[in-house]
């Protein structure tokens, strides 16, 4: 009886535990609903990544030529539009900035983004990139903060695209969840950027799609291969069962 009571208590705690680890603090993470089969989205995300992220962050587990082949670009397109720190298309995606300079400027070395989509999750990335807001605290070196990652050392690199968001004075970060269509529950746009809110969300979705690809370039191939493996095992099971029946049909059971 005690074992059953303990098991019931554990099962009741599981949903709350999952909810706690899936979010960041009290802010509910948003689902970007990415599609790794959307080649156009991957290409737009790659453009954003090399222009905004690759200035400070490495993606040292990815190579330009592999990326080109996977997302439908030619090597010439990548050379002419996406390579700023090297002229060899077979090189890995690294930045020119040294780790010492990066630490000096930002206080910490920017993390490698090769597998951040797997370590943090795409929901976290999407929410994080939507969660920057103006913070006038003198302790904030770049004048911004983030709902998902409080006191983050990173500047808001998409400030020109999104515009300036501010916290609503009547709500705190833990009082309401963030809406997927607007940041109005916790944040409001004080100064528009080059994109409206929908355009910016779509741009961030494209970027997260590309970063999800970086984290596991062979994911679609693995899933397709998995289907064939399951079909093979199903056929093998039928053949094995038939063989077993054939071998044992003349055996008399006592």
Foldseek 3Di string as FASTA:
>chain_A
DVVVVVVVVVVVCVVVVVQVVCAFAQAHFDDLPADLVPLVLLVLLLLCCQVQPLQQAFQQVAFQCVSCVLSVHDLVCCQVRRDDQDNDRGHGRHHPDDQVVCCVVQVHRDYHLLACCPVNNLRLQLQFLVFKAAAPPPVQPQRIAGLRHGSDSDHNSCCQAAPHKHFDPVDDSNPDYADPQDRVVTIDHPTGHPYYSVVVSSSSSSNSSNSVCSNPVCVVVVVVVVVVVVVVVVVVVVVVVVVVCVVCVPPDDD
